[in-house]
Amino acid sequence: MTDLLSTALMAASDDLRGQPVWRAWVGVGSFIVLEMGGRRRSGSEDIGEYHLWVCGMDWELSLNGVVVATDIDDRDTMVMAVEGFTGRVVTRFDFDPKTLGFVLEANGGLHLRVFPSIYVSMNEWMLFMPDGMVWSVEDGRLLHEHESSDKAPL
């Protein structure tokens, strides 16, 4: 089942290529949010057609091969690096079925690598798609389900 889901995720994520990132921010701790594609309304907020949450997983952000921030850096370093996605275009999304992590690249050499932390119960990311489907990693499993009230962005 996981192989089928992995293949389906890679096919679905092809649509991410070419999508602009119009908002990127760091939430509580090292929580990352990227808003991509067109804008849509969710309550009183604009969110992206493609809406990515990374929470509890380790990550590193590099620019032209040089690591500029990780999930354990000070807040200012994380914020400055993550906000560097704003105004860029996604060029690649590669899911790793072995680690349940991924690599997301944007033009200009920006590269986000997401991988499991030692705190297995904390490893989570979610990618909300325009069709209402949500790809996620939770509790060590890759999931694909329709957006519901407990997974609603914002």
Foldseek 3Di string as FASTA:
>chain_A
DLVVVLVVVQVQCVVQFFWAFAFWFADPQRKIKTATHDWDDDPPDIGHLKIKIWWLWKKFKDAQPHTQDISPDDRVSSGVRRRVSHGWGWHDWHADSVFRWIWIDTPRRIIMTTGGDPPQQTGKMWIQHNVQWIWMAHSNGTDIDGDDPVNDDD
